[in-house]
Amino acid sequence: PYDATGVLPRPLPQEIDDGTNLLVSG
């Protein structure tokens, strides 16, 4: 997985599976 520690607030996942595509909408 890809580390997201310190970027996403808990309890959101602190690791993101490899091969993931994420849309950030704001």
mmCIF file of all heavy atoms, coordinates in Angstrom:
data_MODEL
# 
_entry.id   MODEL 
# 
loop_
_atom_site.group_PDB 
_atom_site.id 
_atom_site.type_symbol 
_atom_site.label_atom_id 
_atom_site.label_alt_id 
_atom_site.label_comp_id 
_atom_site.label_asym_id 
_atom_site.label_entity_id 
_atom_site.label_seq_id 
_atom_site.pdbx_PDB_ins_code 
_atom_site.Cartn_x 
_atom_site.Cartn_y 
_atom_site.Cartn_z 
_atom_site.occupancy 
_atom_site.B_iso_or_equiv 
_atom_site.pdbx_formal_charge 
_atom_site.auth_seq_id 
_atom_site.auth_comp_id 
_atom_site.auth_asym_id 
_atom_site.auth_atom_id 
_atom_site.pdbx_PDB_model_num 
ATOM 1   N N   . PRO A 1 1  ? 0.816   -1.218 0.000   1.00 0.00 ? 1  PRO A N   1 
ATOM 2   C CA  . PRO A 1 1  ? 0.000   0.000  0.000   1.00 0.00 ? 1  PRO A CA  1 
ATOM 3   C C   . PRO A 1 1  ? 0.852   1.271  0.000   1.00 0.00 ? 1  PRO A C   1 
ATOM 4   O O   . PRO A 1 1  ? 2.034   1.256  0.356   1.00 0.00 ? 1  PRO A O   1 
ATOM 5   C CB  . PRO A 1 1  ? -0.806  -0.116 1.299   1.00 0.00 ? 1  PRO A CB  1 
ATOM 6   C CG  . PRO A 1 1  ? -0.642  -1.508 1.768   1.00 0.00 ? 1  PRO A CG  1 
ATOM 7   C CD  . PRO A 1 1  ? 0.645   -2.017 1.206   1.00 0.00 ? 1  PRO A CD  1 
ATOM 8   N N   . TYR A 1 2  ? 0.197   2.375  -0.367  1.00 0.00 ? 2  TYR A N   1 
ATOM 9   C CA  . TYR A 1 2  ? 0.830   3.691  -0.329  1.00 0.00 ? 2  TYR A CA  1 
ATOM 10  C C   . TYR A 1 2  ? 0.472   4.376  0.993   1.00 0.00 ? 2  TYR A C   1 
ATOM 11  O O   . TYR A 1 2  ? -0.687  4.416  1.391   1.00 0.00 ? 2  TYR A O   1 
ATOM 12  C CB  . TYR A 1 2  ? 0.366   4.536  -1.513  1.00 0.00 ? 2  TYR A CB  1 
ATOM 13  C CG  . TYR A 1 2  ? 0.977   4.096  -2.825  1.00 0.00 ? 2  TYR A CG  1 
ATOM 14  C CD1 . TYR A 1 2  ? 0.434   3.045  -3.548  1.00 0.00 ? 2  TYR A CD1 1 
ATOM 15  C CD2 . TYR A 1 2  ? 2.120   4.714  -3.319  1.00 0.00 ? 2  TYR A CD2 1 
ATOM 16  C CE1 . TYR A 1 2  ? 1.001   2.627  -4.748  1.00 0.00 ? 2  TYR A CE1 1 
ATOM 17  C CE2 . TYR A 1 2  ? 2.689   4.312  -4.522  1.00 0.00 ? 2  TYR A CE2 1 
ATOM 18  C CZ  . TYR A 1 2  ? 2.130   3.266  -5.227  1.00 0.00 ? 2  TYR A CZ  1 
ATOM 19  O OH  . TYR A 1 2  ? 2.698   2.854  -6.412  1.00 0.00 ? 2  TYR A OH  1 
ATOM 20  N N   . ASP A 1 3  ? 1.484   4.915  1.654   1.00 0.00 ? 3  ASP A N   1 
ATOM 21  C CA  . ASP A 1 3  ? 1.321   5.515  2.969   1.00 0.00 ? 3  ASP A CA  1 
ATOM 22  C C   . ASP A 1 3  ? 0.631   6.875  2.851   1.00 0.00 ? 3  ASP A C   1 
ATOM 23  O O   . ASP A 1 3  ? 1.022   7.711  2.039   1.00 0.00 ? 3  ASP A O   1 
ATOM 24  C CB  . ASP A 1 3  ? 2.695   5.671  3.616   1.00 0.00 ? 3  ASP A CB  1 
ATOM 25  C CG  . ASP A 1 3  ? 2.624   6.028  5.095   1.00 0.00 ? 3  ASP A CG  1 
ATOM 26  O OD1 . ASP A 1 3  ? 1.504   6.131  5.630   1.00 0.00 ? 3  ASP A OD1 1 
ATOM 27  O OD2 . ASP A 1 3  ? 3.692   6.186  5.716   1.00 0.00 ? 3  ASP A OD2 1 
ATOM 28  N N   . ALA A 1 4  ? -0.410  7.075  3.659   1.00 0.00 ? 4  ALA A N   1 
ATOM 29  C CA  . ALA A 1 4  ? -1.087  8.372  3.728   1.00 0.00 ? 4  ALA A CA  1 
ATOM 30  C C   . ALA A 1 4  ? -1.059  8.927  5.144   1.00 0.00 ? 4  ALA A C   1 
ATOM 31  O O   . ALA A 1 4  ? -1.808  9.860  5.463   1.00 0.00 ? 4  ALA A O   1 
ATOM 32  C CB  . ALA A 1 4  ? -2.519  8.244  3.238   1.00 0.00 ? 4  ALA A CB  1 
ATOM 33  N N   . THR A 1 5  ? -0.183  8.383  5.982   1.00 0.00 ? 5  THR A N   1 
ATOM 34  C CA  . THR A 1 5  ? -0.093  8.816  7.370   1.00 0.00 ? 5  THR A CA  1 
ATOM 35  C C   . THR A 1 5  ? 0.224   10.310 7.457   1.00 0.00 ? 5  THR A C   1 
ATOM 36  O O   . THR A 1 5  ? 1.125   10.811 6.786   1.00 0.00 ? 5  THR A O   1 
ATOM 37  C CB  . THR A 1 5  ? 1.006   8.035  8.107   1.00 0.00 ? 5  THR A CB  1 
ATOM 38  O OG1 . THR A 1 5  ? 0.750   6.635  7.980   1.00 0.00 ? 5  THR A OG1 1 
ATOM 39  C CG2 . THR A 1 5  ? 1.047   8.411  9.572   1.00 0.00 ? 5  THR A CG2 1 
ATOM 40  N N   . GLY A 1 6  ? -0.535  11.018 8.281   1.00 0.00 ? 6  GLY A N   1 
ATOM 41  C CA  . GLY A 1 6  ? -0.289  12.432 8.471   1.00 0.00 ? 6  GLY A CA  1 
ATOM 42  C C   . GLY A 1 6  ? -0.933  13.320 7.435   1.00 0.00 ? 6  GLY A C   1 
ATOM 43  O O   . GLY A 1 6  ? -0.882  14.552 7.550   1.00 0.00 ? 6  GLY A O   1 
ATOM 44  N N   . VAL A 1 7  ? -1.538  12.719 6.402   1.00 0.00 ? 7  VAL A N   1 
ATOM 45  C CA  . VAL A 1 7  ? -2.215  13.500 5.370   1.00 0.00 ? 7  VAL A CA  1 
ATOM 46  C C   . VAL A 1 7  ? -3.723  13.405 5.535   1.00 0.00 ? 7  VAL A C   1 
ATOM 47  O O   . VAL A 1 7  ? -4.420  14.427 5.566   1.00 0.00 ? 7  VAL A O   1 
ATOM 48  C CB  . VAL A 1 7  ? -1.805  13.031 3.955   1.00 0.00 ? 7  VAL A CB  1 
ATOM 49  C CG1 . VAL A 1 7  ? -2.521  13.865 2.895   1.00 0.00 ? 7  VAL A CG1 1 
ATOM 50  C CG2 . VAL A 1 7  ? -0.292  13.121 3.775   1.00 0.00 ? 7  VAL A CG2 1 
ATOM 51  N N   . LEU A 1 8  ? -4.231  12.198 5.667   1.00 0.00 ? 8  LEU A N   1 
ATOM 52  C CA  . LEU A 1 8  ? -5.660  11.998 5.867   1.00 0.00 ? 8  LEU A CA  1 
ATOM 53  C C   . LEU A 1 8  ? -5.957  11.873 7.362   1.00 0.00 ? 8  LEU A C   1 
ATOM 54  O O   . LEU A 1 8  ? -5.228  11.195 8.089   1.00 0.00 ? 8  LEU A O   1 
ATOM 55  C CB  . LEU A 1 8  ? -6.132  10.732 5.139   1.00 0.00 ? 8  LEU A CB  1 
ATOM 56  C CG  . LEU A 1 8  ? -5.914  10.699 3.624   1.00 0.00 ? 8  LEU A CG  1 
ATOM 57  C CD1 . LEU A 1 8  ? -6.496  9.411  3.052   1.00 0.00 ? 8  LEU A CD1 1 
ATOM 58  C CD2 . LEU A 1 8  ? -6.548  11.919 2.952   1.00 0.00 ? 8  LEU A CD2 1 
ATOM 59  N N   . PRO A 1 9  ? -7.011  12.508 7.822   1.00 0.00 ? 9  PRO A N   1 
ATOM 60  C CA  . PRO A 1 9  ? -7.343  12.429 9.250   1.00 0.00 ? 9  PRO A CA  1 
ATOM 61  C C   . PRO A 1 9  ? -7.882  11.041 9.601   1.00 0.00 ? 9  PRO A C   1 
ATOM 62  O O   . PRO A 1 9  ? -8.577  10.414 8.806   1.00 0.00 ? 9  PRO A O   1 
ATOM 63  C CB  . PRO A 1 9  ? -8.424  13.495 9.421   1.00 0.00 ? 9  PRO A CB  1 
ATOM 64  C CG  . PRO A 1 9  ? -9.088  13.567 8.074   1.00 0.00 ? 9  PRO A CG  1 
ATOM 65  C CD  . PRO A 1 9  ? -7.986  13.340 7.077   1.00 0.00 ? 9  PRO A CD  1 
ATOM 66  N N   . ARG A 1 10 ? -7.534  10.574 10.783  1.00 0.00 ? 10 ARG A N   1 
ATOM 67  C CA  . ARG A 1 10 ? -8.147  9.340  11.268  1.00 0.00 ? 10 ARG A CA  1 
ATOM 68  C C   . ARG A 1 10 ? -9.604  9.635  11.634  1.00 0.00 ? 10 ARG A C   1 
ATOM 69  O O   . ARG A 1 10 ? -9.916  10.743 12.065  1.00 0.00 ? 10 ARG A O   1 
ATOM 70  C CB  . ARG A 1 10 ? -7.376  8.824  12.486  1.00 0.00 ? 10 ARG A CB  1 
ATOM 71  C CG  . ARG A 1 10 ? -5.924  8.453  12.161  1.00 0.00 ? 10 ARG A CG  1 
ATOM 72  C CD  . ARG A 1 10 ? -5.214  7.933  13.378  1.00 0.00 ? 10 ARG A CD  1 
ATOM 73  N NE  . ARG A 1 10 ? -3.811  7.683  13.133  1.00 0.00 ? 10 ARG A NE  1 
ATOM 74  C CZ  . ARG A 1 10 ? -3.330  6.547  12.606  1.00 0.00 ? 10 ARG A CZ  1 
ATOM 75  N NH1 . ARG A 1 10 ? -4.162  5.564  12.298  1.00 0.00 ? 10 ARG A NH1 1 
ATOM 76  N NH2 . ARG A 1 10 ? -2.032  6.389  12.404  1.00 0.00 ? 10 ARG A NH2 1 
ATOM 77  N N   . PRO A 1 11 ? -10.516 8.668  11.405  1.00 0.00 ? 11 PRO A N   1 
ATOM 78  C CA  . PRO A 1 11 ? -10.265 7.263  11.074  1.00 0.00 ? 11 PRO A CA  1 
ATOM 79  C C   . PRO A 1 11 ? -10.257 6.946  9.582   1.00 0.00 ? 11 PRO A C   1 
ATOM 80  O O   . PRO A 1 11 ? -10.488 5.793  9.221   1.00 0.00 ? 11 PRO A O   1 
ATOM 81  C CB  . PRO A 1 11 ? -11.445 6.569  11.758  1.00 0.00 ? 11 PRO A CB  1 
ATOM 82  C CG  . PRO A 1 11 ? -12.567 7.548  11.631  1.00 0.00 ? 11 PRO A CG  1 
ATOM 83  C CD  . PRO A 1 11 ? -11.931 8.905  11.769  1.00 0.00 ? 11 PRO A CD  1 
ATOM 84  N N   . LEU A 1 12 ? -10.015 7.926  8.706   1.00 0.00 ? 12 LEU A N   1 
ATOM 85  C CA  . LEU A 1 12 ? -9.837  7.597  7.295   1.00 0.00 ? 12 LEU A CA  1 
ATOM 86  C C   . LEU A 1 12 ? -8.619  6.696  7.140   1.00 0.00 ? 12 LEU A C   1 
ATOM 87  O O   . LEU A 1 12 ? -7.699  6.734  7.959   1.00 0.00 ? 12 LEU A O   1 
ATOM 88  C CB  . LEU A 1 12 ? -9.667  8.870  6.463   1.00 0.00 ? 12 LEU A CB  1 
ATOM 89  C CG  . LEU A 1 12 ? -10.878 9.811  6.385   1.00 0.00 ? 12 LEU A CG  1 
ATOM 90  C CD1 . LEU A 1 12 ? -10.575 10.966 5.456   1.00 0.00 ? 12 LEU A CD1 1 
ATOM 91  C CD2 . LEU A 1 12 ? -12.123 9.082  5.946   1.00 0.00 ? 12 LEU A CD2 1 
ATOM 92  N N   . PRO A 1 13 ? -8.567  5.893  6.093   1.00 0.00 ? 13 PRO A N   1 
ATOM 93  C CA  . PRO A 1 13 ? -7.443  4.964  5.925   1.00 0.00 ? 13 PRO A CA  1 
ATOM 94  C C   . PRO A 1 13 ? -6.098  5.686  5.895   1.00 0.00 ? 13 PRO A C   1 
ATOM 95  O O   . PRO A 1 13 ? -5.969  6.745  5.275   1.00 0.00 ? 13 PRO A O   1 
ATOM 96  C CB  . PRO A 1 13 ? -7.738  4.306  4.568   1.00 0.00 ? 13 PRO A CB  1 
ATOM 97  C CG  . PRO A 1 13 ? -9.203  4.450  4.378   1.00 0.00 ? 13 PRO A CG  1 
ATOM 98  C CD  . PRO A 1 13 ? -9.568  5.751  5.016   1.00 0.00 ? 13 PRO A CD  1 
ATOM 99  N N   . GLN A 1 14 ? -5.128  5.113  6.562   1.00 0.00 ? 14 GLN A N   1 
ATOM 100 C CA  . GLN A 1 14 ? -3.774  5.670  6.570   1.00 0.00 ? 14 GLN A CA  1 
ATOM 101 C C   . GLN A 1 14 ? -2.888  4.991  5.529   1.00 0.00 ? 14 GLN A C   1 
ATOM 102 O O   . GLN A 1 14 ? -1.727  5.352  5.359   1.00 0.00 ? 14 GLN A O   1 
ATOM 103 C CB  . GLN A 1 14 ? -3.159  5.515  7.963   1.00 0.00 ? 14 GLN A CB  1 
ATOM 104 C CG  . GLN A 1 14 ? -3.963  6.212  9.071   1.00 0.00 ? 14 GLN A CG  1 
ATOM 105 C CD  . GLN A 1 14 ? -4.117  7.701  8.834   1.00 0.00 ? 14 GLN A CD  1 
ATOM 106 O OE1 . GLN A 1 14 ? -3.138  8.445  8.897   1.00 0.00 ? 14 GLN A OE1 1 
ATOM 107 N NE2 . GLN A 1 14 ? -5.335  8.169  8.559   1.00 0.00 ? 14 GLN A NE2 1 
ATOM 108 N N   . GLU A 1 15 ? -3.441  4.017  4.835   1.00 0.00 ? 15 GLU A N   1 
ATOM 109 C CA  . GLU A 1 15 ? -2.772  3.362  3.707   1.00 0.00 ? 15 GLU A CA  1 
ATOM 110 C C   . GLU A 1 15 ? -3.770  3.234  2.562   1.00 0.00 ? 15 GLU A C   1 
ATOM 111 O O   . GLU A 1 15 ? -4.971  3.015  2.794   1.00 0.00 ? 15 GLU A O   1 
ATOM 112 C CB  . GLU A 1 15 ? -2.246  1.978  4.094   1.00 0.00 ? 15 GLU A CB  1 
ATOM 113 C CG  . GLU A 1 15 ? -1.120  2.004  5.110   1.00 0.00 ? 15 GLU A CG  1 
ATOM 114 C CD  . GLU A 1 15 ? -0.592  0.601  5.398   1.00 0.00 ? 15 GLU A CD  1 
ATOM 115 O OE1 . GLU A 1 15 ? -1.372  -0.377 5.241   1.00 0.00 ? 15 GLU A OE1 1 
ATOM 116 O OE2 . GLU A 1 15 ? 0.591   0.472  5.765   1.00 0.00 ? 15 GLU A OE2 1 
ATOM 117 N N   . ILE A 1 16 ? -3.266  3.384  1.343   1.00 0.00 ? 16 ILE A N   1 
ATOM 118 C CA  . ILE A 1 16 ? -4.109  3.286  0.153   1.00 0.00 ? 16 ILE A CA  1 
ATOM 119 C C   . ILE A 1 16 ? -3.534  2.181  -0.734  1.00 0.00 ? 16 ILE A C   1 
ATOM 120 O O   . ILE A 1 16 ? -2.336  2.168  -1.035  1.00 0.00 ? 16 ILE A O   1 
ATOM 121 C CB  . ILE A 1 16 ? -4.144  4.622  -0.616  1.00 0.00 ? 16 ILE A CB  1 
ATOM 122 C CG1 . ILE A 1 16 ? -4.648  5.750  0.305   1.00 0.00 ? 16 ILE A CG1 1 
ATOM 123 C CG2 . ILE A 1 16 ? -5.041  4.508  -1.843  1.00 0.00 ? 16 ILE A CG2 1 
ATOM 124 C CD1 . ILE A 1 16 ? -4.566  7.128  -0.323  1.00 0.00 ? 16 ILE A CD1 1 
ATOM 125 N N   . ASP A 1 17 ? -4.378  1.269  -1.143  1.00 0.00 ? 17 ASP A N   1 
ATOM 126 C CA  . ASP A 1 17 ? -3.924  0.124  -1.927  1.00 0.00 ? 17 ASP A CA  1 
ATOM 127 C C   . ASP A 1 17 ? -3.244  0.562  -3.220  1.00 0.00 ? 17 ASP A C   1 
ATOM 128 O O   . ASP A 1 17 ? -3.639  1.565  -3.845  1.00 0.00 ? 17 ASP A O   1 
ATOM 129 C CB  . ASP A 1 17 ? -5.094  -0.794 -2.275  1.00 0.00 ? 17 ASP A CB  1 
ATOM 130 C CG  . ASP A 1 17 ? -5.621  -1.548 -1.071  1.00 0.00 ? 17 ASP A CG  1 
ATOM 131 O OD1 . ASP A 1 17 ? -4.901  -1.632 -0.057  1.00 0.00 ? 17 ASP A OD1 1 
ATOM 132 O OD2 . ASP A 1 17 ? -6.757  -2.050 -1.144  1.00 0.00 ? 17 ASP A OD2 1 
ATOM 133 N N   . ASP A 1 18 ? -2.229  -0.184 -3.620  1.00 0.00 ? 18 ASP A N   1 
ATOM 134 C CA  . ASP A 1 18 ? -1.576  0.100  -4.889  1.00 0.00 ? 18 ASP A CA  1 
ATOM 135 C C   . ASP A 1 18 ? -2.576  -0.096 -6.031  1.00 0.00 ? 18 ASP A C   1 
ATOM 136 O O   . ASP A 1 18 ? -3.475  -0.930 -5.964  1.00 0.00 ? 18 ASP A O   1 
ATOM 137 C CB  . ASP A 1 18 ? -0.344  -0.779 -5.085  1.00 0.00 ? 18 ASP A CB  1 
ATOM 138 C CG  . ASP A 1 18 ? -0.659  -2.256 -5.017  1.00 0.00 ? 18 ASP A CG  1 
ATOM 139 O OD1 . ASP A 1 18 ? -1.303  -2.688 -4.060  1.00 0.00 ? 18 ASP A OD1 1 
ATOM 140 O OD2 . ASP A 1 18 ? -0.269  -2.980 -5.959  1.00 0.00 ? 18 ASP A OD2 1 
ATOM 141 N N   . GLY A 1 19 ? -2.425  0.733  -7.062  1.00 0.00 ? 19 GLY A N   1 
ATOM 142 C CA  . GLY A 1 19 ? -3.337  0.694  -8.196  1.00 0.00 ? 19 GLY A CA  1 
ATOM 143 C C   . GLY A 1 19 ? -4.607  1.493  -7.993  1.00 0.00 ? 19 GLY A C   1 
ATOM 144 O O   . GLY A 1 19 ? -5.511  1.452  -8.832  1.00 0.00 ? 19 GLY A O   1 
ATOM 145 N N   . THR A 1 20 ? -4.688  2.252  -6.892  1.00 0.00 ? 20 THR A N   1 
ATOM 146 C CA  . THR A 1 20 ? -5.887  3.036  -6.590  1.00 0.00 ? 20 THR A CA  1 
ATOM 147 C C   . THR A 1 20 ? -5.863  4.375  -7.324  1.00 0.00 ? 20 THR A C   1 
ATOM 148 O O   . THR A 1 20 ? -4.829  5.036  -7.412  1.00 0.00 ? 20 THR A O   1 
ATOM 149 C CB  . THR A 1 20 ? -5.997  3.301  -5.074  1.00 0.00 ? 20 THR A CB  1 
ATOM 150 O OG1 . THR A 1 20 ? -6.219  2.056  -4.402  1.00 0.00 ? 20 THR A OG1 1 
ATOM 151 C CG2 . THR A 1 20 ? -7.139  4.250  -4.753  1.00 0.00 ? 20 THR A CG2 1 
ATOM 152 N N   . ASN A 1 21 ? -7.034  4.768  -7.850  1.00 0.00 ? 21 ASN A N   1 
ATOM 153 C CA  . ASN A 1 21 ? -7.233  6.111  -8.399  1.00 0.00 ? 21 ASN A CA  1 
ATOM 154 C C   . ASN A 1 21 ? -8.253  6.836  -7.531  1.00 0.00 ? 21 ASN A C   1 
ATOM 155 O O   . ASN A 1 21 ? -9.361  6.344  -7.319  1.00 0.00 ? 21 ASN A O   1 
ATOM 156 C CB  . ASN A 1 21 ? -7.725  6.033  -9.844  1.00 0.00 ? 21 ASN A CB  1 
ATOM 157 C CG  . ASN A 1 21 ? -6.626  5.616  -10.803 1.00 0.00 ? 21 ASN A CG  1 
ATOM 158 O OD1 . ASN A 1 21 ? -5.741  6.410  -11.118 1.00 0.00 ? 21 ASN A OD1 1 
ATOM 159 N ND2 . ASN A 1 21 ? -6.682  4.378  -11.274 1.00 0.00 ? 21 ASN A ND2 1 
ATOM 160 N N   . LEU A 1 22 ? -7.857  8.001  -7.035  1.00 0.00 ? 22 LEU A N   1 
ATOM 161 C CA  . LEU A 1 22 ? -8.661  8.761  -6.072  1.00 0.00 ? 22 LEU A CA  1 
ATOM 162 C C   . LEU A 1 22 ? -9.018  10.113 -6.666  1.00 0.00 ? 22 LEU A C   1 
ATOM 163 O O   . LEU A 1 22 ? -8.155  10.826 -7.186  1.00 0.00 ? 22 LEU A O   1 
ATOM 164 C CB  . LEU A 1 22 ? -7.857  8.945  -4.786  1.00 0.00 ? 22 LEU A CB  1 
ATOM 165 C CG  . LEU A 1 22 ? -8.545  9.571  -3.582  1.00 0.00 ? 22 LEU A CG  1 
ATOM 166 C CD1 . LEU A 1 22 ? -9.685  8.697  -3.085  1.00 0.00 ? 22 LEU A CD1 1 
ATOM 167 C CD2 . LEU A 1 22 ? -7.516  9.793  -2.463  1.00 0.00 ? 22 LEU A CD2 1 
ATOM 168 N N   . LEU A 1 23 ? -10.293 10.460 -6.605  1.00 0.00 ? 23 LEU A N   1 
ATOM 169 C CA  . LEU A 1 23 ? -10.756 11.769 -7.042  1.00 0.00 ? 23 LEU A CA  1 
ATOM 170 C C   . LEU A 1 23 ? -10.925 12.660 -5.815  1.00 0.00 ? 23 LEU A C   1 
ATOM 171 O O   . LEU A 1 23 ? -11.681 12.325 -4.894  1.00 0.00 ? 23 LEU A O   1 
ATOM 172 C CB  . LEU A 1 23 ? -12.090 11.643 -7.786  1.00 0.00 ? 23 LEU A CB  1 
ATOM 173 C CG  . LEU A 1 23 ? -12.668 12.937 -8.370  1.00 0.00 ? 23 LEU A CG  1 
ATOM 174 C CD1 . LEU A 1 23 ? -11.757 13.507 -9.453  1.00 0.00 ? 23 LEU A CD1 1 
ATOM 175 C CD2 . LEU A 1 23 ? -14.074 12.689 -8.917  1.00 0.00 ? 23 LEU A CD2 1 
ATOM 176 N N   . VAL A 1 24 ? -10.211 13.779 -5.796  1.00 0.00 ? 24 VAL A N   1 
ATOM 177 C CA  . VAL A 1 24 ? -10.321 14.750 -4.705  1.00 0.00 ? 24 VAL A CA  1 
ATOM 178 C C   . VAL A 1 24 ? -11.234 15.870 -5.186  1.00 0.00 ? 24 VAL A C   1 
ATOM 179 O O   . VAL A 1 24 ? -10.897 16.610 -6.103  1.00 0.00 ? 24 VAL A O   1 
ATOM 180 C CB  . VAL A 1 24 ? -8.945  15.295 -4.295  1.00 0.00 ? 24 VAL A CB  1 
ATOM 181 C CG1 . VAL A 1 24 ? -9.095  16.322 -3.187  1.00 0.00 ? 24 VAL A CG1 1 
ATOM 182 C CG2 . VAL A 1 24 ? -8.026  14.163 -3.849  1.00 0.00 ? 24 VAL A CG2 1 
ATOM 183 N N   . SER A 1 25 ? -12.399 15.979 -4.570  1.00 0.00 ? 25 SER A N   1 
ATOM 184 C CA  . SER A 1 25 ? -13.445 16.888 -5.026  1.00 0.00 ? 25 SER A CA  1 
ATOM 185 C C   . SER A 1 25 ? -13.697 17.964 -3.986  1.00 0.00 ? 25 SER A C   1 
ATOM 186 O O   . SER A 1 25 ? -14.086 17.671 -2.851  1.00 0.00 ? 25 SER A O   1 
ATOM 187 C CB  . SER A 1 25 ? -14.738 16.086 -5.276  1.00 0.00 ? 25 SER A CB  1 
ATOM 188 O OG  . SER A 1 25 ? -15.810 16.933 -5.631  1.00 0.00 ? 25 SER A OG  1 
ATOM 189 N N   . GLY A 1 26 ? -13.466 19.206 -4.376  1.00 0.00 ? 26 GLY A N   1 
ATOM 190 C CA  . GLY A 1 26 ? -13.694 20.304 -3.443  1.00 0.00 ? 26 GLY A CA  1 
ATOM 191 C C   . GLY A 1 26 ? -13.695 21.632 -4.168  1.00 0.00 ? 26 GLY A C   1 
ATOM 192 O O   . GLY A 1 26 ? -13.034 21.793 -5.193  1.00 0.00 ? 26 GLY A O   1 
# 
